[in-house]
Amino acid sequence: MNINGMPVLRVGDTTACGDTVTEGIGNILINGKPIAFLGSATAHGGMIITGSGDVFVGTQVGAAPFTPIITVPKHSERFQLVDETTGDAIPDMLYCIETGDGQRLVGHTDNHGNAARVFTAEPTSVVVQWGKEAAAHLDALGIDY
């Protein structure tokens, strides 16, 4: 469902940055799920920071400040680390992903061997380093992990 040409975000939906919405308004359901709102919490400690400036939902009365629309990146990719012999996912492995547009994502693979999803506005090169190689690279840059 779209409002003002933007998809409606609900609890359990994935945000543009790849996080998952964990907070919504329980008595406003869209296809059975609570609708998210400006300030809704996400699974990794973030919150929803943008939305449609002229749509008001919730339990409080009053005007909300206008929030300009942020363009959602057009391109995304997620990398998965698997054992080349068994095909099993490798969880909790350090990774460093660097994109041609200057982004750097550092973390550990999830239970399915997945790194964080990378979003870019334009097609670009991506370098992924795993394990000891990622650690050495981050150490050389003076970045904690």
Foldseek 3Di string as FASTA:
>chain_A
DDDPNHDWAFAQDADLQGWGFHDADVVDDDVRTHTHDQQGATPVGDGHHADQQPDDDDDDDDHDHGGDDDDRADDKDKDFDADPVPRQGDWFKWKWKAWPVGDIATDTHHPRRIDGMDGHNDDTDMDMDIHPRRVVVCVVVVHDD
